Every structure is written in C-alpha cells, then in structure tokens.
C-alpha atoms as a PDB file:
ATOM      1  CA  UNK A   1     -33.946 -72.155  -0.161  1.00  0.00           C
ATOM      2  CA  UNK A   2     -32.600 -70.226  -3.109  1.00  0.00           C
ATOM      3  CA  UNK A   3     -29.585 -68.594  -3.061  1.00  0.00           C
ATOM      4  CA  UNK A   4     -28.463 -65.550  -4.844  1.00  0.00           C
ATOM      5  CA  UNK A   5     -25.722 -63.594  -6.565  1.00  0.00           C
ATOM      6  CA  UNK A   6     -23.137 -66.613  -6.154  1.00  0.00           C
ATOM      7  CA  UNK A   7     -23.465 -70.306  -5.892  1.00  0.00           C
ATOM      8  CA  UNK A   8     -24.824 -70.923  -1.922  1.00  0.00           C
ATOM      9  CA  UNK A   9     -25.519 -74.719  -2.975  1.00  0.00           C
ATOM     10  CA  UNK A  10     -22.982 -75.712  -0.220  1.00  0.00           C
ATOM     11  CA  UNK A  11     -24.047 -73.888   2.198  1.00  0.00           C
ATOM     12  CA  UNK A  12     -26.788 -76.525   3.272  1.00  0.00           C
ATOM     13  CA  UNK A  13     -26.252 -79.605   0.798  1.00  0.00           C
ATOM     14  CA  UNK A  14     -29.477 -80.522  -0.201  1.00  0.00           C
ATOM     15  CA  UNK A  15     -31.344 -78.028   1.162  1.00  0.00           C
ATOM     16  CA  UNK A  16     -30.702 -75.339  -1.168  1.00  0.00           C
ATOM     17  CA  UNK A  17     -32.758 -75.976  -4.476  1.00  0.00           C
ATOM     18  CA  UNK A  18     -30.431 -73.757  -6.383  1.00  0.00           C
ATOM     19  CA  UNK A  19     -28.486 -70.521  -6.734  1.00  0.00           C
ATOM     20  CA  UNK A  20     -29.211 -67.218  -9.232  1.00  0.00           C
ATOM     21  CA  UNK A  21     -25.405 -66.321  -9.846  1.00  0.00           C
ATOM     22  CA  UNK A  22     -24.371 -62.884 -11.217  1.00  0.00           C
ATOM     23  CA  UNK A  23     -21.485 -64.073 -13.594  1.00  0.00           C
ATOM     24  CA  UNK A  24     -19.110 -61.332 -12.438  1.00  0.00           C
ATOM     25  CA  UNK A  25     -16.031 -63.343 -13.663  1.00  0.00           C
ATOM     26  CA  UNK A  26     -17.844 -63.192 -17.135  1.00  0.00           C
ATOM     27  CA  UNK A  27     -18.216 -58.940 -16.762  1.00  0.00           C
ATOM     28  CA  UNK A  28     -14.522 -58.957 -15.703  1.00  0.00           C
ATOM     29  CA  UNK A  29     -13.258 -61.252 -18.716  1.00  0.00           C
ATOM     30  CA  UNK A  30     -15.107 -58.979 -21.215  1.00  0.00           C
ATOM     31  CA  UNK A  31     -13.544 -55.785 -19.757  1.00  0.00           C
ATOM     32  CA  UNK A  32     -10.156 -57.178 -19.739  1.00  0.00           C
ATOM     33  CA  UNK A  33     -10.674 -58.619 -23.315  1.00  0.00           C
ATOM     34  CA  UNK A  34     -11.804 -55.082 -24.390  1.00  0.00           C
ATOM     35  CA  UNK A  35      -8.674 -53.462 -22.641  1.00  0.00           C
ATOM     36  CA  UNK A  36      -6.854 -55.827 -24.453  1.00  0.00           C
ATOM     37  CA  UNK A  37      -8.392 -55.404 -27.935  1.00  0.00           C
ATOM     38  CA  UNK A  38      -8.460 -51.593 -27.425  1.00  0.00           C
ATOM     39  CA  UNK A  39     -12.106 -51.605 -27.751  1.00  0.00           C
ATOM     40  CA  UNK A  40     -12.849 -50.590 -23.723  1.00  0.00           C
ATOM     41  CA  UNK A  41     -15.402 -48.360 -23.074  1.00  0.00           C
ATOM     42  CA  UNK A  42     -16.533 -47.167 -19.433  1.00  0.00           C
ATOM     43  CA  UNK A  43     -19.927 -47.271 -18.539  1.00  0.00           C
ATOM     44  CA  UNK A  44     -22.603 -49.488 -17.481  1.00  0.00           C
ATOM     45  CA  UNK A  45     -23.105 -52.981 -19.023  1.00  0.00           C
ATOM     46  CA  UNK A  46     -26.090 -55.139 -18.744  1.00  0.00           C
ATOM     47  CA  UNK A  47     -25.208 -58.880 -19.273  1.00  0.00           C
ATOM     48  CA  UNK A  48     -28.408 -61.153 -18.981  1.00  0.00           C
ATOM     49  CA  UNK A  49     -29.000 -64.819 -20.108  1.00  0.00           C
ATOM     50  CA  UNK A  50     -27.587 -63.737 -23.333  1.00  0.00           C
ATOM     51  CA  UNK A  51     -24.858 -62.581 -22.766  1.00  0.00           C
ATOM     52  CA  UNK A  52     -23.721 -65.062 -19.973  1.00  0.00           C
ATOM     53  CA  UNK A  53     -24.366 -62.496 -17.296  1.00  0.00           C
ATOM     54  CA  UNK A  54     -26.339 -64.515 -15.152  1.00  0.00           C
ATOM     55  CA  UNK A  55     -27.370 -68.303 -14.638  1.00  0.00           C
ATOM     56  CA  UNK A  56     -28.433 -70.998 -12.166  1.00  0.00           C
ATOM     57  CA  UNK A  57     -26.324 -73.233 -10.247  1.00  0.00           C
ATOM     58  CA  UNK A  58     -26.228 -77.260 -10.727  1.00  0.00           C
ATOM     59  CA  UNK A  59     -23.637 -79.348  -8.835  1.00  0.00           C
ATOM     60  CA  UNK A  60     -23.416 -82.080  -6.464  1.00  0.00           C
ATOM     61  CA  UNK A  61     -25.027 -80.138  -3.555  1.00  0.00           C
ATOM     62  CA  UNK A  62     -28.601 -79.511  -5.162  1.00  0.00           C
ATOM     63  CA  UNK A  63     -28.721 -82.056  -8.107  1.00  0.00           C
ATOM     64  CA  UNK A  64     -30.854 -84.691  -6.299  1.00  0.00           C
ATOM     65  CA  UNK A  65     -33.380 -81.899  -5.332  1.00  0.00           C
ATOM     66  CA  UNK A  66     -33.692 -81.212  -9.125  1.00  0.00           C
ATOM     67  CA  UNK A  67     -35.530 -83.662 -11.280  1.00  0.00           C
ATOM     68  CA  UNK A  68     -34.548 -83.762 -15.328  1.00  0.00           C
ATOM     69  CA  UNK A  69     -37.905 -82.602 -15.787  1.00  0.00           C
ATOM     70  CA  UNK A  70     -37.347 -79.600 -13.689  1.00  0.00           C
ATOM     71  CA  UNK A  71     -34.240 -78.878 -15.592  1.00  0.00           C
ATOM     72  CA  UNK A  72     -35.488 -79.090 -18.982  1.00  0.00           C
ATOM     73  CA  UNK A  73     -38.371 -76.773 -17.925  1.00  0.00           C
ATOM     74  CA  UNK A  74     -35.460 -74.235 -16.656  1.00  0.00           C
ATOM     75  CA  UNK A  75     -33.460 -74.733 -19.877  1.00  0.00           C
ATOM     76  CA  UNK A  76     -36.979 -74.207 -22.086  1.00  0.00           C
ATOM     77  CA  UNK A  77     -37.590 -70.894 -20.244  1.00  0.00           C
ATOM     78  CA  UNK A  78     -33.801 -70.061 -20.653  1.00  0.00           C
ATOM     79  CA  UNK A  79     -34.006 -70.394 -24.274  1.00  0.00           C
ATOM     80  CA  UNK A  80     -37.085 -68.950 -24.577  1.00  0.00           C
ATOM     81  CA  UNK A  81     -35.648 -65.602 -22.726  1.00  0.00           C
ATOM     82  CA  UNK A  82     -32.522 -65.653 -24.839  1.00  0.00           C
ATOM     83  CA  UNK A  83     -34.788 -66.151 -28.094  1.00  0.00           C
ATOM     84  CA  UNK A  84     -36.896 -63.368 -27.012  1.00  0.00           C
ATOM     85  CA  UNK A  85     -40.217 -65.437 -26.765  1.00  0.00           C
ATOM     86  CA  UNK A  86     -40.221 -64.662 -23.027  1.00  0.00           C
ATOM     87  CA  UNK A  87     -39.855 -61.052 -22.034  1.00  0.00           C
ATOM     88  CA  UNK A  88     -38.670 -60.062 -18.595  1.00  0.00           C
ATOM     89  CA  UNK A  89     -39.701 -57.018 -17.192  1.00  0.00           C
ATOM     90  CA  UNK A  90     -37.175 -54.493 -16.167  1.00  0.00           C
ATOM     91  CA  UNK A  91     -38.720 -53.153 -12.459  1.00  0.00           C
ATOM     92  CA  UNK A  92     -36.210 -50.525 -12.583  1.00  0.00           C
ATOM     93  CA  UNK A  93     -37.769 -48.956 -15.772  1.00  0.00           C
ATOM     94  CA  UNK A  94     -40.900 -48.124 -14.216  1.00  0.00           C
ATOM     95  CA  UNK A  95     -40.605 -49.188 -10.695  1.00  0.00           C
ATOM     96  CA  UNK A  96     -43.856 -51.712 -11.397  1.00  0.00           C
ATOM     97  CA  UNK A  97     -44.488 -55.185 -10.916  1.00  0.00           C
ATOM     98  CA  UNK A  98     -46.542 -56.219 -14.119  1.00  0.00           C
ATOM     99  CA  UNK A  99     -48.166 -59.172 -12.168  1.00  0.00           C
END
C-alpha cells in the first residue's frame, strides 16, 4: 500500500511502501512567518517539492521495504522535478491525463 496526505507507514508496519505527504506544517509555518514579518497575503498557495509542500515518508516502519537503489531513484526524480528536468502535469489545468 501507499498512504496519502499523511504518514501512514505505522498503520501496517512492513506493508506500507511509503506515504505521500502533504506538508501542511510547512504551509502553516510559512503563513505564520509571513504574518510575523508583515508580508502575509490571503489566497491560494501551491507548495510542491521545491517549496517543501509535499514529500514521501521514510521511517522504521518501511525502511526494510525500500532498497538503497529505490531511494536513489526517487531522490534523482525528486531533484529532476525541482530542477525542471521532469515536468509534472497539472491535471486541474485541463482535466486531461497526458498518458
């Protein structure tokens, strides 16, 4: 299984490959800091990998399931997305899947 939105690796230790996490803590921290600094603006924020708004979970509950080779491949893909070498399609822009 793969968890979504929060780290679910501990729900079924050894059976959840990873969890794709929405880093709400990052968004809240940014909003509070913007408020503190007098730069807060209401509205939508899109926080992706580059901004630390999403990530995957690695912990004692799933580390035996993920090889070093798998981690290296994921980290390379993550770096390539952040660098713009891999473009992530925004489904909400056109309601279409490019594949």
